[in-house]
């Protein structure tokens, strides 16, 4: 089964954030998992993006 990999721009569009947000996230420690293909290509799996979104679910503004 082939899994579709998203570019940084596609992942940013999916999450509703800027490309720079994802680049900065990778630089500071990558809360959002990514795959490095070769020396320079960065890709994101849709499953990982959905898991990240699920982990950010809050039920109160008092939650940290």
PDB file of N, CA and C in Angstrom:
ATOM      1  N   UNK A   1       0.845  -1.175   0.000  1.00  0.00           N
ATOM      2  CA  UNK A   1       0.000   0.000   0.000  1.00  0.00           C
ATOM      3  C   UNK A   1       0.891   1.239   0.000  1.00  0.00           C
ATOM      4  N   UNK A   2       0.698   2.105  -0.959  1.00  0.00           N
ATOM      5  CA  UNK A   2       1.487   3.320  -1.055  1.00  0.00           C
ATOM      6  C   UNK A   2       0.815   4.426  -0.264  1.00  0.00           C
ATOM      7  N   UNK A   3       1.589   5.097   0.555  1.00  0.00           N
ATOM      8  CA  UNK A   3       1.066   6.218   1.333  1.00  0.00           C
ATOM      9  C   UNK A   3       1.502   7.503   0.669  1.00  0.00           C
ATOM     10  N   UNK A   4       0.562   8.408   0.488  1.00  0.00           N
ATOM     11  CA  UNK A   4       0.857   9.675  -0.155  1.00  0.00           C
ATOM     12  C   UNK A   4       1.619  10.576   0.811  1.00  0.00           C
ATOM     13  N   UNK A   5       2.703  11.125   0.335  1.00  0.00           N
ATOM     14  CA  UNK A   5       3.490  12.056   1.136  1.00  0.00           C
ATOM     15  C   UNK A   5       3.218  13.475   0.668  1.00  0.00           C
ATOM     16  N   UNK A   6       3.056  14.376   1.611  1.00  0.00           N
ATOM     17  CA  UNK A   6       2.759  15.773   1.311  1.00  0.00           C
ATOM     18  C   UNK A   6       4.023  16.612   1.395  1.00  0.00           C
ATOM     19  N   UNK A   7       4.137  17.588   0.524  1.00  0.00           N
ATOM     20  CA  UNK A   7       5.228  18.552   0.612  1.00  0.00           C
ATOM     21  C   UNK A   7       4.956  19.475   1.798  1.00  0.00           C
ATOM     22  N   UNK A   8       5.929  20.290   2.130  1.00  0.00           N
ATOM     23  CA  UNK A   8       5.741  21.248   3.225  1.00  0.00           C
ATOM     24  C   UNK A   8       4.576  22.179   2.933  1.00  0.00           C
ATOM     25  N   UNK A   9       4.477  22.664   1.709  1.00  0.00           N
ATOM     26  CA  UNK A   9       3.376  23.574   1.364  1.00  0.00           C
ATOM     27  C   UNK A   9       2.028  22.868   1.444  1.00  0.00           C
ATOM     28  N   UNK A  10       1.948  21.642   0.963  1.00  0.00           N
ATOM     29  CA  UNK A  10       0.694  20.888   1.031  1.00  0.00           C
ATOM     30  C   UNK A  10       0.301  20.621   2.482  1.00  0.00           C
ATOM     31  N   UNK A  11       1.270  20.278   3.308  1.00  0.00           N
ATOM     32  CA  UNK A  11       0.999  20.033   4.726  1.00  0.00           C
ATOM     33  C   UNK A  11       0.534  21.319   5.411  1.00  0.00           C
ATOM     34  N   UNK A  12       1.170  22.417   5.077  1.00  0.00           N
ATOM     35  CA  UNK A  12       0.779  23.708   5.653  1.00  0.00           C
ATOM     36  C   UNK A  12      -0.651  24.051   5.254  1.00  0.00           C
ATOM     37  N   UNK A  13      -0.984  23.862   4.000  1.00  0.00           N
ATOM     38  CA  UNK A  13      -2.345  24.124   3.532  1.00  0.00           C
ATOM     39  C   UNK A  13      -3.347  23.233   4.262  1.00  0.00           C
ATOM     40  N   UNK A  14      -3.017  21.973   4.446  1.00  0.00           N
ATOM     41  CA  UNK A  14      -3.890  21.033   5.127  1.00  0.00           C
ATOM     42  C   UNK A  14      -4.140  21.459   6.582  1.00  0.00           C
ATOM     43  N   UNK A  15      -3.074  21.907   7.253  1.00  0.00           N
ATOM     44  CA  UNK A  15      -3.183  22.309   8.658  1.00  0.00           C
ATOM     45  C   UNK A  15      -3.720  23.723   8.830  1.00  0.00           C
ATOM     46  N   UNK A  16      -3.699  24.499   7.754  1.00  0.00           N
ATOM     47  CA  UNK A  16      -4.147  25.891   7.859  1.00  0.00           C
ATOM     48  C   UNK A  16      -3.114  26.793   8.500  1.00  0.00           C
ATOM     49  N   UNK A  17      -1.848  26.473   8.295  1.00  0.00           N
ATOM     50  CA  UNK A  17      -0.746  27.283   8.821  1.00  0.00           C
ATOM     51  C   UNK A  17       0.166  27.678   7.662  1.00  0.00           C
ATOM     52  N   UNK A  18       1.141  28.498   7.950  1.00  0.00           N
ATOM     53  CA  UNK A  18       2.077  28.904   6.899  1.00  0.00           C
ATOM     54  C   UNK A  18       3.184  27.863   6.729  1.00  0.00           C
ATOM     55  N   UNK A  19       3.803  27.891   5.577  1.00  0.00           N
ATOM     56  CA  UNK A  19       4.962  27.034   5.306  1.00  0.00           C
ATOM     57  C   UNK A  19       6.069  27.351   6.311  1.00  0.00           C
ATOM     58  N   UNK A  20       6.223  28.621   6.648  1.00  0.00           N
ATOM     59  CA  UNK A  20       7.246  29.046   7.608  1.00  0.00           C
ATOM     60  C   UNK A  20       6.989  28.458   8.991  1.00  0.00           C
ATOM     61  N   UNK A  21       5.723  28.283   9.361  1.00  0.00           N
ATOM     62  CA  UNK A  21       5.401  27.669  10.648  1.00  0.00           C
ATOM     63  C   UNK A  21       5.986  26.265  10.726  1.00  0.00           C
ATOM     64  N   UNK A  22       5.815  25.470   9.654  1.00  0.00           N
ATOM     65  CA  UNK A  22       6.348  24.109   9.648  1.00  0.00           C
ATOM     66  C   UNK A  22       7.870  24.101   9.602  1.00  0.00           C
ATOM     67  N   UNK A  23       8.446  25.024   8.858  1.00  0.00           N
ATOM     68  CA  UNK A  23       9.909  25.111   8.810  1.00  0.00           C
ATOM     69  C   UNK A  23      10.472  25.466  10.180  1.00  0.00           C
ATOM     70  N   UNK A  24       9.827  26.392  10.864  1.00  0.00           N
ATOM     71  CA  UNK A  24      10.262  26.787  12.208  1.00  0.00           C
ATOM     72  C   UNK A  24      10.071  25.625  13.188  1.00  0.00           C
ATOM     73  N   UNK A  25       8.974  24.887  13.048  1.00  0.00           N
ATOM     74  CA  UNK A  25       8.727  23.737  13.913  1.00  0.00           C
ATOM     75  C   UNK A  25       9.842  22.701  13.770  1.00  0.00           C
ATOM     76  N   UNK A  26      10.264  22.436  12.562  1.00  0.00           N
ATOM     77  CA  UNK A  26      11.366  21.483  12.352  1.00  0.00           C
ATOM     78  C   UNK A  26      12.653  21.999  12.978  1.00  0.00           C
ATOM     79  N   UNK A  27      12.898  23.293  12.852  1.00  0.00           N
ATOM     80  CA  UNK A  27      14.138  23.893  13.363  1.00  0.00           C
ATOM     81  C   UNK A  27      14.221  23.806  14.890  1.00  0.00           C
ATOM     82  N   UNK A  28      13.093  24.001  15.572  1.00  0.00           N
ATOM     83  CA  UNK A  28      13.118  24.038  17.036  1.00  0.00           C
ATOM     84  C   UNK A  28      12.864  22.698  17.710  1.00  0.00           C
ATOM     85  N   UNK A  29      12.589  21.646  16.936  1.00  0.00           N
ATOM     86  CA  UNK A  29      12.436  20.353  17.579  1.00  0.00           C
ATOM     87  C   UNK A  29      11.333  19.465  17.062  1.00  0.00           C
ATOM     88  N   UNK A  30      10.608  19.890  16.075  1.00  0.00           N
ATOM     89  CA  UNK A  30       9.626  19.065  15.360  1.00  0.00           C
ATOM     90  C   UNK A  30       8.571  18.407  16.240  1.00  0.00           C
ATOM     91  N   UNK A  31       7.600  19.189  16.644  1.00  0.00           N
ATOM     92  CA  UNK A  31       6.426  18.610  17.297  1.00  0.00           C
ATOM     93  C   UNK A  31       5.590  17.847  16.279  1.00  0.00           C
ATOM     94  N   UNK A  32       5.666  18.290  15.025  1.00  0.00           N
ATOM     95  CA  UNK A  32       4.926  17.641  13.947  1.00  0.00           C
ATOM     96  C   UNK A  32       5.900  16.721  13.204  1.00  0.00           C
ATOM     97  N   UNK A  33       5.655  15.406  13.223  1.00  0.00           N
ATOM     98  CA  UNK A  33       6.587  14.469  12.590  1.00  0.00           C
ATOM     99  C   UNK A  33       6.714  14.710  11.086  1.00  0.00           C
ATOM    100  N   UNK A  34       7.907  14.494  10.580  1.00  0.00           N
ATOM    101  CA  UNK A  34       8.172  14.639   9.149  1.00  0.00           C
ATOM    102  C   UNK A  34       9.162  13.577   8.711  1.00  0.00           C
ATOM    103  N   UNK A  35       9.279  13.425   7.399  1.00  0.00           N
ATOM    104  CA  UNK A  35      10.198  12.465   6.808  1.00  0.00           C
ATOM    105  C   UNK A  35      11.170  13.233   5.925  1.00  0.00           C
ATOM    106  N   UNK A  36      12.455  12.944   6.071  1.00  0.00           N
ATOM    107  CA  UNK A  36      13.451  13.559   5.200  1.00  0.00           C
ATOM    108  C   UNK A  36      13.819  12.546   4.126  1.00  0.00           C
ATOM    109  N   UNK A  37      13.536  12.906   2.886  1.00  0.00           N
ATOM    110  CA  UNK A  37      13.815  12.043   1.743  1.00  0.00           C
ATOM    111  C   UNK A  37      15.048  12.596   1.046  1.00  0.00           C
ATOM    112  N   UNK A  38      16.136  11.870   1.099  1.00  0.00           N
ATOM    113  CA  UNK A  38      17.371  12.376   0.516  1.00  0.00           C
ATOM    114  C   UNK A  38      17.953  13.478   1.378  1.00  0.00           C
ATOM    115  N   UNK A  39      18.760  14.311   0.765  1.00  0.00           N
ATOM    116  CA  UNK A  39      19.466  15.352   1.504  1.00  0.00           C
ATOM    117  C   UNK A  39      18.588  16.557   1.834  1.00  0.00           C
ATOM    118  N   UNK A  40      17.586  16.850   0.994  1.00  0.00           N
ATOM    119  CA  UNK A  40      16.854  18.095   1.175  1.00  0.00           C
ATOM    120  C   UNK A  40      15.333  17.990   1.189  1.00  0.00           C
ATOM    121  N   UNK A  41      14.778  16.964   0.626  1.00  0.00           N
ATOM    122  CA  UNK A  41      13.320  16.875   0.492  1.00  0.00           C
ATOM    123  C   UNK A  41      12.668  16.496   1.818  1.00  0.00           C
ATOM    124  N   UNK A  42      11.713  17.298   2.236  1.00  0.00           N
ATOM    125  CA  UNK A  42      10.947  17.055   3.454  1.00  0.00           C
ATOM    126  C   UNK A  42       9.530  16.688   3.048  1.00  0.00           C
ATOM    127  N   UNK A  43       8.988  15.644   3.675  1.00  0.00           N
ATOM    128  CA  UNK A  43       7.631  15.214   3.384  1.00  0.00           C
ATOM    129  C   UNK A  43       6.899  14.917   4.687  1.00  0.00           C
ATOM    130  N   UNK A  44       5.592  15.019   4.624  1.00  0.00           N
ATOM    131  CA  UNK A  44       4.722  14.750   5.774  1.00  0.00           C
ATOM    132  C   UNK A  44       3.707  13.683   5.398  1.00  0.00           C
ATOM    133  N   UNK A  45       3.431  12.778   6.335  1.00  0.00           N
ATOM    134  CA  UNK A  45       2.383  11.773   6.125  1.00  0.00           C
ATOM    135  C   UNK A  45       1.072  12.323   6.674  1.00  0.00           C
ATOM    136  N   UNK A  46       0.007  12.124   5.924  1.00  0.00           N
ATOM    137  CA  UNK A  46      -1.312  12.597   6.332  1.00  0.00           C
ATOM    138  C   UNK A  46      -1.700  12.025   7.691  1.00  0.00           C
ATOM    139  N   UNK A  47      -1.380  10.764   7.922  1.00  0.00           N
ATOM    140  CA  UNK A  47      -1.682  10.121   9.200  1.00  0.00           C
ATOM    141  C   UNK A  47      -1.010  10.864  10.357  1.00  0.00           C
ATOM    142  N   UNK A  48       0.248  11.259  10.175  1.00  0.00           N
ATOM    143  CA  UNK A  48       0.966  11.990  11.227  1.00  0.00           C
ATOM    144  C   UNK A  48       0.347  13.357  11.476  1.00  0.00           C
ATOM    145  N   UNK A  49      -0.085  14.022  10.414  1.00  0.00           N
ATOM    146  CA  UNK A  49      -0.720  15.334  10.568  1.00  0.00           C
ATOM    147  C   UNK A  49      -2.025  15.196  11.344  1.00  0.00           C
ATOM    148  N   UNK A  50      -2.809  14.164  11.033  1.00  0.00           N
ATOM    149  CA  UNK A  50      -4.067  13.949  11.751  1.00  0.00           C
ATOM    150  C   UNK A  50      -3.826  13.605  13.213  1.00  0.00           C
ATOM    151  N   UNK A  51      -2.802  12.803  13.490  1.00  0.00           N
ATOM    152  CA  UNK A  51      -2.467  12.471  14.883  1.00  0.00           C
ATOM    153  C   UNK A  51      -2.017  13.711  15.641  1.00  0.00           C
ATOM    154  N   UNK A  52      -1.248  14.583  14.974  1.00  0.00           N
ATOM    155  CA  UNK A  52      -0.833  15.836  15.609  1.00  0.00           C
ATOM    156  C   UNK A  52      -2.060  16.679  15.941  1.00  0.00           C
ATOM    157  N   UNK A  53      -2.975  16.803  14.989  1.00  0.00           N
ATOM    158  CA  UNK A  53      -4.189  17.587  15.236  1.00  0.00           C
ATOM    159  C   UNK A  53      -4.979  17.009  16.400  1.00  0.00           C
ATOM    160  N   UNK A  54      -5.128  15.688  16.450  1.00  0.00           N
ATOM    161  CA  UNK A  54      -5.843  15.042  17.556  1.00  0.00           C
ATOM    162  C   UNK A  54      -5.169  15.334  18.887  1.00  0.00           C
ATOM    163  N   UNK A  55      -3.843  15.383  18.909  1.00  0.00           N
ATOM    164  CA  UNK A  55      -3.127  15.623  20.156  1.00  0.00           C
ATOM    165  C   UNK A  55      -3.274  17.070  20.634  1.00  0.00           C
ATOM    166  N   UNK A  56      -3.698  17.955  19.751  1.00  0.00           N
ATOM    167  CA  UNK A  56      -3.867  19.358  20.108  1.00  0.00           C
ATOM    168  C   UNK A  56      -5.278  19.703  20.542  1.00  0.00           C
ATOM    169  N   UNK A  57      -6.166  18.719  20.562  1.00  0.00           N
ATOM    170  CA  UNK A  57      -7.561  18.934  20.933  1.00  0.00           C
ATOM    171  C   UNK A  57      -7.665  19.376  22.391  1.00  0.00           C
ATOM    172  N   UNK A  58      -8.318  20.483  22.609  1.00  0.00           N
ATOM    173  CA  UNK A  58      -8.523  21.030  23.957  1.00  0.00           C
ATOM    174  C   UNK A  58     -10.011  21.138  24.231  1.00  0.00           C
ATOM    175  N   UNK A  59     -10.387  21.040  25.501  1.00  0.00           N
ATOM    176  CA  UNK A  59     -11.790  21.183  25.887  1.00  0.00           C
ATOM    177  C   UNK A  59     -12.039  22.427  26.730  1.00  0.00           C
ATOM    178  N   UNK A  60     -10.952  23.121  27.080  1.00  0.00           N
ATOM    179  CA  UNK A  60     -11.083  24.319  27.897  1.00  0.00           C
ATOM    180  C   UNK A  60      -9.921  25.271  27.583  1.00  0.00           C
ATOM    181  N   UNK A  61     -10.175  26.554  27.654  1.00  0.00           N
ATOM    182  CA  UNK A  61      -9.089  27.517  27.447  1.00  0.00           C
ATOM    183  C   UNK A  61      -8.129  27.543  28.617  1.00  0.00           C
ATOM    184  N   UNK A  62      -8.476  26.883  29.718  1.00  0.00           N
ATOM    185  CA  UNK A  62      -7.589  26.823  30.879  1.00  0.00           C
ATOM    186  C   UNK A  62      -6.512  25.754  30.713  1.00  0.00           C
ATOM    187  N   UNK A  63      -6.679  24.864  29.730  1.00  0.00           N
ATOM    188  CA  UNK A  63      -5.683  23.822  29.499  1.00  0.00           C
ATOM    189  C   UNK A  63      -4.423  24.427  28.898  1.00  0.00           C
ATOM    190  N   UNK A  64      -3.287  23.882  29.306  1.00  0.00           N
ATOM    191  CA  UNK A  64      -2.017  24.358  28.763  1.00  0.00           C
ATOM    192  C   UNK A  64      -1.579  23.495  27.620  1.00  0.00           C
TER     193      UNK A  64
END
